[in-house]
Amino acid sequence: MEKEGYVYLLTNKMNTVIYTGVTNNLEKRIYEHKEKLVEGFTKKYKVDKIVYYEVFDGIEEAIVREKQIKAGSRKKKIGLITSSNPDFKDLYYQL
């Protein structure tokens, strides 16, 4: 049986940076971002607040969706977030 896939959007404290990621274990991955265990962009820019995510039946579908989101504008990403989370609340504790 294939694992679920997730696409997620993270931002920083001031909501000025948007990061798009994909994983097969959302809780674990967001924990890694929050604890600064992931080297690179999110650690450098303190991006650890999950504000949006989508669930898929498999990781392949999630990767396709991630590419669609990444290809979109910042305005489209903000639109995705505000459609379900207009206040940019951290959804980590709701996972």
N, C-alpha and C. Protein backbone atom coordinates (compact mmCIF):
# COMPACT_ATOMS: atom_id res chain seq x y z
N MET A 1 0.84 -1.19 0.00
CA MET A 1 0.00 0.00 0.00
C MET A 1 0.88 1.25 0.00
N GLU A 2 0.53 2.16 -0.88
CA GLU A 2 1.32 3.39 -1.01
C GLU A 2 0.97 4.39 0.09
N LYS A 3 1.98 5.12 0.54
CA LYS A 3 1.77 6.15 1.56
C LYS A 3 1.09 7.37 0.94
N GLU A 4 0.42 8.11 1.80
CA GLU A 4 -0.15 9.38 1.36
C GLU A 4 0.96 10.34 1.02
N GLY A 5 0.60 11.33 0.22
CA GLY A 5 1.53 12.41 -0.10
C GLY A 5 0.92 13.73 0.32
N TYR A 6 1.76 14.68 0.65
CA TYR A 6 1.31 15.99 1.10
C TYR A 6 2.09 17.08 0.40
N VAL A 7 1.39 18.14 0.04
CA VAL A 7 2.02 19.37 -0.40
C VAL A 7 1.71 20.38 0.68
N TYR A 8 2.69 21.19 1.04
CA TYR A 8 2.47 22.15 2.12
C TYR A 8 3.12 23.48 1.80
N LEU A 9 2.55 24.52 2.38
CA LEU A 9 3.12 25.86 2.26
C LEU A 9 3.50 26.33 3.65
N LEU A 10 4.72 26.80 3.77
CA LEU A 10 5.23 27.37 5.02
C LEU A 10 5.49 28.85 4.82
N THR A 11 5.48 29.57 5.92
CA THR A 11 5.87 30.97 5.89
C THR A 11 6.66 31.26 7.16
N ASN A 12 7.13 32.48 7.26
CA ASN A 12 7.88 32.90 8.45
C ASN A 12 6.95 33.68 9.38
N LYS A 13 7.49 34.16 10.47
CA LYS A 13 6.70 34.85 11.49
C LYS A 13 5.94 36.05 10.93
N MET A 14 6.55 36.78 10.03
CA MET A 14 5.94 38.00 9.47
C MET A 14 5.17 37.73 8.18
N ASN A 15 5.09 36.47 7.76
CA ASN A 15 4.37 36.06 6.54
C ASN A 15 4.93 36.71 5.27
N THR A 16 6.23 36.92 5.25
CA THR A 16 6.85 37.57 4.09
C THR A 16 7.48 36.59 3.11
N VAL A 17 7.69 35.35 3.54
CA VAL A 17 8.32 34.33 2.70
C VAL A 17 7.35 33.17 2.58
N ILE A 18 7.22 32.60 1.37
CA ILE A 18 6.39 31.41 1.19
C ILE A 18 7.25 30.31 0.60
N TYR A 19 7.22 29.16 1.24
CA TYR A 19 7.99 27.98 0.82
C TYR A 19 7.00 26.86 0.50
N THR A 20 7.21 26.18 -0.61
CA THR A 20 6.37 25.05 -1.01
C THR A 20 7.18 23.77 -0.88
N GLY A 21 6.62 22.77 -0.20
CA GLY A 21 7.31 21.51 -0.02
C GLY A 21 6.38 20.32 -0.24
N VAL A 22 6.98 19.14 -0.30
CA VAL A 22 6.24 17.89 -0.48
C VAL A 22 6.84 16.84 0.45
N THR A 23 6.00 15.96 0.97
CA THR A 23 6.47 14.92 1.89
C THR A 23 5.47 13.78 1.94
N ASN A 24 5.88 12.67 2.52
CA ASN A 24 4.93 11.57 2.77
C ASN A 24 4.62 11.45 4.27
N ASN A 25 5.19 12.34 5.10
CA ASN A 25 4.91 12.34 6.53
C ASN A 25 4.89 13.80 6.99
N LEU A 26 3.71 14.40 6.93
CA LEU A 26 3.59 15.84 7.16
C LEU A 26 3.98 16.26 8.57
N GLU A 27 3.47 15.56 9.57
CA GLU A 27 3.79 15.93 10.95
C GLU A 27 5.29 15.93 11.21
N LYS A 28 5.94 14.85 10.77
CA LYS A 28 7.39 14.71 10.98
C LYS A 28 8.15 15.82 10.24
N ARG A 29 7.75 16.08 9.01
CA ARG A 29 8.46 17.07 8.20
C ARG A 29 8.33 18.48 8.79
N ILE A 30 7.14 18.84 9.25
CA ILE A 30 6.96 20.16 9.82
C ILE A 30 7.73 20.28 11.14
N TYR A 31 7.73 19.20 11.92
CA TYR A 31 8.54 19.18 13.15
C TYR A 31 10.00 19.46 12.81
N GLU A 32 10.51 18.82 11.75
CA GLU A 32 11.90 19.03 11.34
C GLU A 32 12.15 20.49 10.98
N HIS A 33 11.20 21.12 10.29
CA HIS A 33 11.34 22.54 9.97
C HIS A 33 11.33 23.39 11.25
N LYS A 34 10.40 23.10 12.14
CA LYS A 34 10.28 23.89 13.38
C LYS A 34 11.53 23.79 14.26
N GLU A 35 12.13 22.62 14.29
CA GLU A 35 13.32 22.40 15.11
C GLU A 35 14.62 22.74 14.38
N LYS A 36 14.49 23.28 13.18
CA LYS A 36 15.64 23.69 12.37
C LYS A 36 16.57 22.52 12.05
N LEU A 37 15.98 21.34 11.82
CA LEU A 37 16.74 20.15 11.49
C LEU A 37 16.99 20.03 9.99
N VAL A 38 16.32 20.88 9.20
CA VAL A 38 16.43 20.85 7.75
C VAL A 38 17.35 21.98 7.31
N GLU A 39 18.49 21.63 6.75
CA GLU A 39 19.43 22.65 6.27
C GLU A 39 18.87 23.30 5.02
N GLY A 40 19.22 24.54 4.80
CA GLY A 40 18.84 25.21 3.57
C GLY A 40 17.93 26.39 3.77
N PHE A 41 17.09 26.61 2.78
CA PHE A 41 16.25 27.80 2.69
C PHE A 41 15.41 28.03 3.94
N THR A 42 14.67 27.01 4.38
CA THR A 42 13.73 27.21 5.50
C THR A 42 14.47 27.54 6.80
N LYS A 43 15.61 26.93 7.00
CA LYS A 43 16.39 27.23 8.21
C LYS A 43 16.98 28.64 8.12
N LYS A 44 17.52 28.97 6.97
CA LYS A 44 18.16 30.28 6.77
C LYS A 44 17.17 31.44 6.97
N TYR A 45 15.95 31.27 6.45
CA TYR A 45 14.97 32.36 6.50
C TYR A 45 13.90 32.17 7.59
N LYS A 46 14.14 31.22 8.51
CA LYS A 46 13.24 30.98 9.65
C LYS A 46 11.80 30.74 9.20
N VAL A 47 11.66 29.87 8.21
CA VAL A 47 10.35 29.53 7.65
C VAL A 47 9.90 28.22 8.29
N ASP A 48 8.95 28.31 9.22
CA ASP A 48 8.55 27.09 9.94
C ASP A 48 7.07 27.07 10.33
N LYS A 49 6.28 27.98 9.79
CA LYS A 49 4.86 28.06 10.12
C LYS A 49 4.05 27.47 8.97
N ILE A 50 3.40 26.33 9.19
CA ILE A 50 2.59 25.72 8.13
C ILE A 50 1.24 26.44 8.08
N VAL A 51 0.93 26.96 6.89
CA VAL A 51 -0.30 27.73 6.72
C VAL A 51 -1.27 27.11 5.72
N TYR A 52 -0.81 26.06 5.01
CA TYR A 52 -1.66 25.42 4.01
C TYR A 52 -1.09 24.04 3.69
N TYR A 53 -1.98 23.07 3.44
CA TYR A 53 -1.53 21.78 2.96
C TYR A 53 -2.65 21.06 2.23
N GLU A 54 -2.26 20.14 1.37
CA GLU A 54 -3.18 19.28 0.63
C GLU A 54 -2.73 17.84 0.81
N VAL A 55 -3.69 16.92 0.83
CA VAL A 55 -3.42 15.50 1.03
C VAL A 55 -3.73 14.75 -0.27
N PHE A 56 -2.86 13.81 -0.64
CA PHE A 56 -3.03 13.02 -1.86
C PHE A 56 -2.89 11.54 -1.54
N ASP A 57 -3.42 10.71 -2.42
CA ASP A 57 -3.36 9.26 -2.24
C ASP A 57 -1.93 8.72 -2.35
N GLY A 58 -1.09 9.41 -3.08
CA GLY A 58 0.29 8.96 -3.24
C GLY A 58 1.24 10.13 -3.42
N ILE A 59 2.51 9.84 -3.22
CA ILE A 59 3.53 10.89 -3.30
C ILE A 59 3.68 11.43 -4.72
N GLU A 60 3.45 10.58 -5.73
CA GLU A 60 3.59 11.04 -7.12
C GLU A 60 2.59 12.17 -7.42
N GLU A 61 1.35 11.99 -6.97
CA GLU A 61 0.33 13.03 -7.17
C GLU A 61 0.74 14.32 -6.44
N ALA A 62 1.28 14.16 -5.26
CA ALA A 62 1.70 15.33 -4.47
C ALA A 62 2.83 16.08 -5.18
N ILE A 63 3.75 15.35 -5.78
CA ILE A 63 4.86 15.98 -6.49
C ILE A 63 4.36 16.77 -7.69
N VAL A 64 3.40 16.21 -8.42
CA VAL A 64 2.82 16.92 -9.56
C VAL A 64 2.18 18.24 -9.08
N ARG A 65 1.43 18.16 -7.99
CA ARG A 65 0.77 19.35 -7.45
C ARG A 65 1.79 20.37 -6.94
N GLU A 66 2.85 19.88 -6.31
CA GLU A 66 3.91 20.78 -5.83
C GLU A 66 4.49 21.59 -6.99
N LYS A 67 4.73 20.93 -8.10
CA LYS A 67 5.29 21.62 -9.27
C LYS A 67 4.32 22.67 -9.80
N GLN A 68 3.01 22.34 -9.78
CA GLN A 68 2.00 23.32 -10.22
C GLN A 68 2.03 24.55 -9.33
N ILE A 69 2.06 24.32 -8.02
CA ILE A 69 2.05 25.44 -7.08
C ILE A 69 3.33 26.27 -7.22
N LYS A 70 4.47 25.60 -7.32
CA LYS A 70 5.74 26.33 -7.45
C LYS A 70 5.79 27.17 -8.71
N ALA A 71 5.13 26.69 -9.77
CA ALA A 71 5.12 27.43 -11.04
C ALA A 71 4.21 28.65 -10.98
N GLY A 72 3.33 28.70 -10.00
CA GLY A 72 2.40 29.81 -9.87
C GLY A 72 3.05 31.03 -9.22
N SER A 73 2.34 32.11 -9.30
CA SER A 73 2.83 33.37 -8.73
C SER A 73 2.66 33.40 -7.21
N ARG A 74 3.30 34.35 -6.59
CA ARG A 74 3.12 34.56 -5.15
C ARG A 74 1.66 34.87 -4.86
N LYS A 75 1.03 35.64 -5.73
CA LYS A 75 -0.38 36.01 -5.56
C LYS A 75 -1.26 34.75 -5.52
N LYS A 76 -0.98 33.79 -6.38
CA LYS A 76 -1.76 32.54 -6.40
C LYS A 76 -1.53 31.74 -5.12
N LYS A 77 -0.31 31.72 -4.64
CA LYS A 77 -0.01 31.01 -3.39
C LYS A 77 -0.73 31.66 -2.22
N ILE A 78 -0.74 32.97 -2.17
CA ILE A 78 -1.46 33.67 -1.11
C ILE A 78 -2.96 33.37 -1.22
N GLY A 79 -3.47 33.30 -2.44
CA GLY A 79 -4.86 32.95 -2.65
C GLY A 79 -5.21 31.57 -2.12
N LEU A 80 -4.31 30.60 -2.34
CA LEU A 80 -4.51 29.24 -1.79
C LEU A 80 -4.59 29.29 -0.27
N ILE A 81 -3.66 30.00 0.31
CA ILE A 81 -3.61 30.08 1.78
C ILE A 81 -4.87 30.76 2.32
N THR A 82 -5.21 31.91 1.79
CA THR A 82 -6.33 32.67 2.34
C THR A 82 -7.68 32.01 2.09
N SER A 83 -7.75 31.10 1.10
CA SER A 83 -9.02 30.41 0.85
C SER A 83 -9.44 29.53 2.02
N SER A 84 -8.48 29.04 2.77
CA SER A 84 -8.82 28.18 3.92
C SER A 84 -8.24 28.68 5.25
N ASN A 85 -7.31 29.61 5.18
CA ASN A 85 -6.63 30.10 6.39
C ASN A 85 -6.34 31.60 6.25
N PRO A 86 -7.40 32.43 6.23
CA PRO A 86 -7.22 33.86 5.95
C PRO A 86 -6.33 34.61 6.94
N ASP A 87 -6.19 34.09 8.14
CA ASP A 87 -5.36 34.75 9.15
C ASP A 87 -3.93 34.22 9.21
N PHE A 88 -3.58 33.33 8.30
CA PHE A 88 -2.23 32.74 8.26
C PHE A 88 -1.86 32.11 9.60
N LYS A 89 -2.82 31.44 10.24
CA LYS A 89 -2.55 30.76 11.51
C LYS A 89 -1.66 29.54 11.27
N ASP A 90 -0.82 29.22 12.24
CA ASP A 90 0.02 28.04 12.17
C ASP A 90 -0.86 26.80 12.40
N LEU A 91 -0.92 25.94 11.42
CA LEU A 91 -1.79 24.75 11.47
C LEU A 91 -1.11 23.53 12.09
N TYR A 92 0.10 23.68 12.57
CA TYR A 92 0.87 22.54 13.07
C TYR A 92 0.13 21.76 14.14
N TYR A 93 -0.47 22.44 15.07
CA TYR A 93 -1.10 21.74 16.19
C TYR A 93 -2.48 21.17 15.83
N GLN A 94 -2.90 21.37 14.59
CA GLN A 94 -4.14 20.78 14.10
C GLN A 94 -3.88 19.55 13.24
N LEU A 95 -2.62 19.23 13.01
CA LEU A 95 -2.29 18.09 12.13
C LEU A 95 -2.62 16.77 12.81
